[in-house]
Amino acid sequence: MENMEQTRLNMVEQQIRPWDVFNQDILNIFMTLKRENFVPDVYRSIALSDVEIPLPGGGKMLFPRVEARLLQELNLDKHDKVLEIGTGSGYVTAILAKLSGFVYSIEIDETNKKLAMTNLTENGITNVSLNLGNGIDGMPAKAPYDKIFVGGALVEIPDSLKRQLKVGGKLVGFIGTEPIMHAIIIDKISETEFRQTTI
């Protein structure tokens, strides 16, 4: 298993750090949370590689460097209530859960939701609630959220989703359509004012 640990170190030092990820908590989690436990078995050998990994229910796991950079931009706090759009395999969900208070995650595909539930349970992550549905609507019933993580690309971020942020809250995600997509940060300045920056 030693070579897996070396590969994990390489993932952090050669993929993630060069993407301006310096948050020690995030680097530590990428070193300790076993990403290979969250990928479909057939891709286990490339779990730590600089690739997007297909998921059984459709969609992909993002590149580790992209996951880390977006997570850093969220600036998570131990007391944060987080909404995640697109649970996928549950890997980012697990990191969000380790860095915040509680995570509500929405996944549109039942196969992925079941996979994520198994992965999170087997890895001892309990402060999450997984929900089946279209994440573009968010989850108004549990709003407002301190942070929102959008794991899949949307053409644009709907106002209804932005309104589910607390004032002072932050959303990170992707907008656009393949192949032109941008990572963005949206800060909620006041009840009516938002600031959007492109990373």
C-alpha atoms as a PDB file:
ATOM      1  CA  MET A   1       0.000   0.000   0.000  1.00  0.00           C
ATOM      2  CA  GLU A   2       3.071   2.190   0.372  1.00  0.00           C
ATOM      3  CA  ASN A   3       3.096   3.186  -3.284  1.00  0.00           C
ATOM      4  CA  MET A   4      -0.522   4.398  -2.878  1.00  0.00           C
ATOM      5  CA  GLU A   5       0.656   6.758  -0.126  1.00  0.00           C
ATOM      6  CA  GLN A   6       3.466   8.002  -2.361  1.00  0.00           C
ATOM      7  CA  THR A   7       0.938   8.557  -5.159  1.00  0.00           C
ATOM      8  CA  ARG A   8      -1.271  10.454  -2.711  1.00  0.00           C
ATOM      9  CA  LEU A   9       1.632  12.694  -1.734  1.00  0.00           C
ATOM     10  CA  ASN A  10       2.352  13.288  -5.426  1.00  0.00           C
ATOM     11  CA  MET A  11      -1.315  14.201  -5.997  1.00  0.00           C
ATOM     12  CA  VAL A  12      -1.084  16.857  -3.290  1.00  0.00           C
ATOM     13  CA  GLU A  13       2.389  18.164  -4.141  1.00  0.00           C
ATOM     14  CA  GLN A  14       2.311  17.994  -7.956  1.00  0.00           C
ATOM     15  CA  GLN A  15      -1.373  18.479  -8.840  1.00  0.00           C
ATOM     16  CA  ILE A  16      -3.044  20.392  -6.022  1.00  0.00           C
ATOM     17  CA  ARG A  17      -0.402  22.721  -4.587  1.00  0.00           C
ATOM     18  CA  PRO A  18       0.628  24.175  -7.992  1.00  0.00           C
ATOM     19  CA  TRP A  19      -2.995  25.303  -8.353  1.00  0.00           C
ATOM     20  CA  ASP A  20      -2.426  27.797  -5.540  1.00  0.00           C
ATOM     21  CA  VAL A  21      -4.007  25.592  -2.897  1.00  0.00           C
ATOM     22  CA  PHE A  22      -2.252  26.496   0.357  1.00  0.00           C
ATOM     23  CA  ASN A  23      -5.021  25.878   2.905  1.00  0.00           C
ATOM     24  CA  GLN A  24      -3.421  23.358   5.250  1.00  0.00           C
ATOM     25  CA  ASP A  25      -6.744  21.848   6.373  1.00  0.00           C
ATOM     26  CA  ILE A  26      -7.641  21.065   2.769  1.00  0.00           C
ATOM     27  CA  LEU A  27      -4.195  19.651   1.966  1.00  0.00           C
ATOM     28  CA  ASN A  28      -4.379  17.481   5.104  1.00  0.00           C
ATOM     29  CA  ILE A  29      -7.763  16.073   4.117  1.00  0.00           C
ATOM     30  CA  PHE A  30      -6.557  15.228   0.617  1.00  0.00           C
ATOM     31  CA  MET A  31      -3.654  13.408   2.319  1.00  0.00           C
ATOM     32  CA  THR A  32      -5.835  11.454   4.761  1.00  0.00           C
ATOM     33  CA  LEU A  33      -9.267  10.916   3.187  1.00  0.00           C
ATOM     34  CA  LYS A  34      -8.798   8.006   0.814  1.00  0.00           C
ATOM     35  CA  ARG A  35     -10.060   9.153  -2.565  1.00  0.00           C
ATOM     36  CA  GLU A  36      -9.780   5.611  -3.908  1.00  0.00           C
ATOM     37  CA  ASN A  37     -12.594   4.609  -1.517  1.00  0.00           C
ATOM     38  CA  PHE A  38     -14.936   6.951  -3.383  1.00  0.00           C
ATOM     39  CA  VAL A  39     -14.343   5.959  -7.001  1.00  0.00           C
ATOM     40  CA  PRO A  40     -16.037   3.062  -8.812  1.00  0.00           C
ATOM     41  CA  ASP A  41     -13.863  -0.075  -8.358  1.00  0.00           C
ATOM     42  CA  VAL A  42     -12.769  -0.193 -12.008  1.00  0.00           C
ATOM     43  CA  TYR A  43     -11.106   3.222 -11.614  1.00  0.00           C
ATOM     44  CA  ARG A  44      -9.480   2.579  -8.253  1.00  0.00           C
ATOM     45  CA  SER A  45      -5.986   2.447  -9.778  1.00  0.00           C
ATOM     46  CA  ILE A  46      -6.344   5.966 -11.224  1.00  0.00           C
ATOM     47  CA  ALA A  47      -8.216   7.491  -8.271  1.00  0.00           C
ATOM     48  CA  LEU A  48      -5.313   9.833  -7.496  1.00  0.00           C
ATOM     49  CA  SER A  49      -4.463  10.732 -11.095  1.00  0.00           C
ATOM     50  CA  ASP A  50      -4.987  14.081 -12.768  1.00  0.00           C
ATOM     51  CA  VAL A  51      -8.137  12.909 -14.594  1.00  0.00           C
ATOM     52  CA  GLU A  52     -11.897  13.198 -14.389  1.00  0.00           C
ATOM     53  CA  ILE A  53     -13.401   9.870 -13.345  1.00  0.00           C
ATOM     54  CA  PRO A  54     -16.747   8.750 -14.848  1.00  0.00           C
ATOM     55  CA  LEU A  55     -19.519   7.827 -12.414  1.00  0.00           C
ATOM     56  CA  PRO A  56     -21.979   4.961 -12.968  1.00  0.00           C
ATOM     57  CA  GLY A  57     -25.037   7.214 -12.951  1.00  0.00           C
ATOM     58  CA  GLY A  58     -23.511   9.727 -15.356  1.00  0.00           C
ATOM     59  CA  GLY A  59     -21.421  12.763 -14.550  1.00  0.00           C
ATOM     60  CA  LYS A  60     -17.772  12.733 -13.512  1.00  0.00           C
ATOM     61  CA  MET A  61     -15.609  13.310 -10.492  1.00  0.00           C
ATOM     62  CA  LEU A  62     -13.705  16.548 -11.011  1.00  0.00           C
ATOM     63  CA  PHE A  63      -9.920  16.701 -11.217  1.00  0.00           C
ATOM     64  CA  PRO A  64      -8.486  16.607  -7.646  1.00  0.00           C
ATOM     65  CA  ARG A  65      -6.804  20.022  -8.248  1.00  0.00           C
ATOM     66  CA  VAL A  66     -10.152  21.561  -9.247  1.00  0.00           C
ATOM     67  CA  GLU A  67     -11.932  20.059  -6.232  1.00  0.00           C
ATOM     68  CA  ALA A  68      -9.239  21.397  -3.901  1.00  0.00           C
ATOM     69  CA  ARG A  69      -9.158  24.881  -5.416  1.00  0.00           C
ATOM     70  CA  LEU A  70     -12.947  25.305  -5.279  1.00  0.00           C
ATOM     71  CA  LEU A  71     -13.037  24.019  -1.701  1.00  0.00           C
ATOM     72  CA  GLN A  72     -10.333  26.508  -0.739  1.00  0.00           C
ATOM     73  CA  GLU A  73     -12.304  29.355  -2.332  1.00  0.00           C
ATOM     74  CA  LEU A  74     -15.331  28.469  -0.170  1.00  0.00           C
ATOM     75  CA  ASN A  75     -13.364  29.356   2.963  1.00  0.00           C
ATOM     76  CA  LEU A  76     -15.272  26.838   5.093  1.00  0.00           C
ATOM     77  CA  ASP A  77     -15.837  27.204   8.795  1.00  0.00           C
ATOM     78  CA  LYS A  78     -16.602  24.477  11.368  1.00  0.00           C
ATOM     79  CA  HIS A  79     -20.048  25.973  12.003  1.00  0.00           C
ATOM     80  CA  ASP A  80     -21.087  26.369   8.374  1.00  0.00           C
ATOM     81  CA  LYS A  81     -24.288  24.898   7.003  1.00  0.00           C
ATOM     82  CA  VAL A  82     -23.469  23.860   3.441  1.00  0.00           C
ATOM     83  CA  LEU A  83     -25.560  23.011   0.390  1.00  0.00           C
ATOM     84  CA  GLU A  84     -23.912  20.824  -2.249  1.00  0.00           C
ATOM     85  CA  ILE A  85     -25.398  20.530  -5.729  1.00  0.00           C
ATOM     86  CA  GLY A  86     -24.372  17.180  -7.233  1.00  0.00           C
ATOM     87  CA  THR A  87     -23.284  14.567  -4.703  1.00  0.00           C
ATOM     88  CA  GLY A  88     -21.510  12.404  -7.272  1.00  0.00           C
ATOM     89  CA  SER A  89     -19.469   9.724  -5.506  1.00  0.00           C
ATOM     90  CA  GLY A  90     -19.628  11.552  -2.163  1.00  0.00           C
ATOM     91  CA  TYR A  91     -15.925  12.475  -2.104  1.00  0.00           C
ATOM     92  CA  VAL A  92     -16.352  16.249  -2.117  1.00  0.00           C
ATOM     93  CA  THR A  93     -19.369  15.777   0.184  1.00  0.00           C
ATOM     94  CA  ALA A  94     -17.041  14.058   2.667  1.00  0.00           C
ATOM     95  CA  ILE A  95     -14.493  16.888   2.510  1.00  0.00           C
ATOM     96  CA  LEU A  96     -17.228  19.499   2.929  1.00  0.00           C
ATOM     97  CA  ALA A  97     -18.515  17.530   5.931  1.00  0.00           C
ATOM     98  CA  LYS A  98     -15.055  17.407   7.522  1.00  0.00           C
ATOM     99  CA  LEU A  99     -14.590  21.167   7.139  1.00  0.00           C
ATOM    100  CA  SER A 100     -18.074  22.374   8.102  1.00  0.00           C
ATOM    101  CA  GLY A 101     -20.923  21.754  10.514  1.00  0.00           C
ATOM    102  CA  PHE A 102     -23.480  20.016   8.296  1.00  0.00           C
ATOM    103  CA  VAL A 103     -23.927  19.321   4.581  1.00  0.00           C
ATOM    104  CA  TYR A 104     -27.172  18.993   2.638  1.00  0.00           C
ATOM    105  CA  SER A 105     -26.378  17.386  -0.695  1.00  0.00           C
ATOM    106  CA  ILE A 106     -28.650  16.971  -3.717  1.00  0.00           C
ATOM    107  CA  GLU A 107     -28.049  14.373  -6.438  1.00  0.00           C
ATOM    108  CA  ILE A 108     -30.222  13.977  -9.525  1.00  0.00           C
ATOM    109  CA  ASP A 109     -29.219  10.360 -10.213  1.00  0.00           C
ATOM    110  CA  GLU A 110     -30.368   7.551  -7.924  1.00  0.00           C
ATOM    111  CA  THR A 111     -27.389   5.274  -8.739  1.00  0.00           C
ATOM    112  CA  ASN A 112     -24.903   7.974  -7.758  1.00  0.00           C
ATOM    113  CA  LYS A 113     -26.872   8.795  -4.609  1.00  0.00           C
ATOM    114  CA  LYS A 114     -26.734   5.151  -3.483  1.00  0.00           C
ATOM    115  CA  LEU A 115     -23.019   4.956  -4.287  1.00  0.00           C
ATOM    116  CA  ALA A 116     -22.366   8.147  -2.307  1.00  0.00           C
ATOM    117  CA  MET A 117     -24.440   6.927   0.653  1.00  0.00           C
ATOM    118  CA  THR A 118     -22.417   3.710   0.810  1.00  0.00           C
ATOM    119  CA  ASN A 119     -19.105   5.560   0.448  1.00  0.00           C
ATOM    120  CA  LEU A 120     -19.922   8.122   3.139  1.00  0.00           C
ATOM    121  CA  THR A 121     -21.184   5.484   5.580  1.00  0.00           C
ATOM    122  CA  GLU A 122     -18.150   3.244   5.061  1.00  0.00           C
ATOM    123  CA  ASN A 123     -15.830   6.214   5.617  1.00  0.00           C
ATOM    124  CA  GLY A 124     -17.535   7.291   8.824  1.00  0.00           C
ATOM    125  CA  ILE A 125     -19.044  10.562   7.548  1.00  0.00           C
ATOM    126  CA  THR A 126     -22.286  11.238   9.430  1.00  0.00           C
ATOM    127  CA  ASN A 127     -22.972  15.007   9.338  1.00  0.00           C
ATOM    128  CA  VAL A 128     -24.587  14.871   5.881  1.00  0.00           C
ATOM    129  CA  SER A 129     -28.075  14.523   4.452  1.00  0.00           C
ATOM    130  CA  LEU A 130     -28.322  13.106   0.909  1.00  0.00           C
ATOM    131  CA  ASN A 131     -31.360  14.004  -1.159  1.00  0.00           C
ATOM    132  CA  LEU A 132     -32.572  12.939  -4.580  1.00  0.00           C
ATOM    133  CA  GLY A 133     -33.627  15.815  -6.804  1.00  0.00           C
ATOM    134  CA  ASN A 134     -32.671  18.496  -9.280  1.00  0.00           C
ATOM    135  CA  GLY A 135     -30.049  20.596  -7.564  1.00  0.00           C
ATOM    136  CA  ILE A 136     -30.735  23.665  -9.685  1.00  0.00           C
ATOM    137  CA  ASP A 137     -33.687  24.359  -7.371  1.00  0.00           C
ATOM    138  CA  GLY A 138     -31.496  24.101  -4.296  1.00  0.00           C
ATOM    139  CA  MET A 139     -33.223  23.159  -1.066  1.00  0.00           C
ATOM    140  CA  PRO A 140     -35.239  26.170   0.111  1.00  0.00           C
ATOM    141  CA  ALA A 141     -36.667  24.259   3.090  1.00  0.00           C
ATOM    142  CA  LYS A 142     -33.255  24.196   4.805  1.00  0.00           C
ATOM    143  CA  ALA A 143     -32.083  27.646   3.644  1.00  0.00           C
ATOM    144  CA  PRO A 144     -30.320  29.919   4.298  1.00  0.00           C
ATOM    145  CA  TYR A 145     -26.864  28.364   3.854  1.00  0.00           C
ATOM    146  CA  ASP A 146     -23.462  29.754   4.755  1.00  0.00           C
ATOM    147  CA  LYS A 147     -21.886  28.147   1.681  1.00  0.00           C
ATOM    148  CA  ILE A 148     -23.059  26.490  -1.533  1.00  0.00           C
ATOM    149  CA  PHE A 149     -20.862  24.165  -3.627  1.00  0.00           C
ATOM    150  CA  VAL A 150     -22.042  23.519  -7.187  1.00  0.00           C
ATOM    151  CA  GLY A 151     -20.320  20.347  -8.391  1.00  0.00           C
ATOM    152  CA  GLY A 152     -21.741  20.293 -11.928  1.00  0.00           C
ATOM    153  CA  ALA A 153     -21.793  23.014 -14.550  1.00  0.00           C
ATOM    154  CA  LEU A 154     -24.876  25.184 -14.941  1.00  0.00           C
ATOM    155  CA  VAL A 155     -25.482  27.544 -17.850  1.00  0.00           C
ATOM    156  CA  GLU A 156     -25.906  30.202 -15.190  1.00  0.00           C
ATOM    157  CA  ILE A 157     -26.513  30.292 -11.458  1.00  0.00           C
ATOM    158  CA  PRO A 158     -30.246  30.871 -10.944  1.00  0.00           C
ATOM    159  CA  ASP A 159     -31.347  33.695  -8.644  1.00  0.00           C
ATOM    160  CA  SER A 160     -33.427  31.213  -6.650  1.00  0.00           C
ATOM    161  CA  LEU A 161     -30.203  29.434  -5.685  1.00  0.00           C
ATOM    162  CA  LYS A 162     -28.327  32.630  -4.844  1.00  0.00           C
ATOM    163  CA  ARG A 163     -31.204  33.709  -2.611  1.00  0.00           C
ATOM    164  CA  GLN A 164     -30.661  30.596  -0.480  1.00  0.00           C
ATOM    165  CA  LEU A 165     -27.343  32.039   0.729  1.00  0.00           C
ATOM    166  CA  LYS A 166     -27.060  33.940   3.997  1.00  0.00           C
ATOM    167  CA  VAL A 167     -25.831  37.511   3.739  1.00  0.00           C
ATOM    168  CA  GLY A 168     -22.042  37.131   3.871  1.00  0.00           C
ATOM    169  CA  GLY A 169     -22.375  33.666   2.364  1.00  0.00           C
ATOM    170  CA  LYS A 170     -20.506  32.316  -0.622  1.00  0.00           C
ATOM    171  CA  LEU A 171     -21.191  30.042  -3.598  1.00  0.00           C
ATOM    172  CA  VAL A 172     -18.597  28.368  -5.821  1.00  0.00           C
ATOM    173  CA  GLY A 173     -19.280  26.475  -9.000  1.00  0.00           C
ATOM    174  CA  PHE A 174     -19.069  26.355 -12.771  1.00  0.00           C
ATOM    175  CA  ILE A 175     -21.046  28.183 -15.403  1.00  0.00           C
ATOM    176  CA  GLY A 176     -21.074  27.787 -19.157  1.00  0.00           C
ATOM    177  CA  THR A 177     -21.366  24.839 -21.478  1.00  0.00           C
ATOM    178  CA  GLU A 178     -18.717  22.373 -22.662  1.00  0.00           C
ATOM    179  CA  PRO A 179     -16.005  23.094 -23.649  1.00  0.00           C
ATOM    180  CA  ILE A 180     -16.072  26.707 -22.408  1.00  0.00           C
ATOM    181  CA  MET A 181     -16.688  26.700 -18.675  1.00  0.00           C
ATOM    182  CA  HIS A 182     -15.632  29.078 -15.934  1.00  0.00           C
ATOM    183  CA  ALA A 183     -15.227  28.548 -12.227  1.00  0.00           C
ATOM    184  CA  ILE A 184     -16.923  31.357 -10.345  1.00  0.00           C
ATOM    185  CA  ILE A 185     -17.393  32.661  -6.831  1.00  0.00           C
ATOM    186  CA  ILE A 186     -20.546  34.484  -5.818  1.00  0.00           C
ATOM    187  CA  ASP A 187     -20.565  36.482  -2.577  1.00  0.00           C
ATOM    188  CA  LYS A 188     -23.857  37.630  -1.093  1.00  0.00           C
ATOM    189  CA  ILE A 189     -23.226  41.202   0.002  1.00  0.00           C
ATOM    190  CA  SER A 190     -26.776  42.062   1.096  1.00  0.00           C
ATOM    191  CA  GLU A 191     -30.285  40.664   0.597  1.00  0.00           C
ATOM    192  CA  THR A 192     -30.323  42.085  -2.919  1.00  0.00           C
ATOM    193  CA  GLU A 193     -26.666  42.449  -3.887  1.00  0.00           C
ATOM    194  CA  PHE A 194     -24.302  39.756  -5.172  1.00  0.00           C
ATOM    195  CA  ARG A 195     -20.716  39.970  -6.343  1.00  0.00           C
ATOM    196  CA  GLN A 196     -19.532  37.447  -8.926  1.00  0.00           C
ATOM    197  CA  THR A 197     -15.851  36.789  -9.622  1.00  0.00           C
ATOM    198  CA  THR A 198     -14.281  34.392 -12.074  1.00  0.00           C
ATOM    199  CA  ILE A 199     -11.398  32.269 -10.776  1.00  0.00           C
END
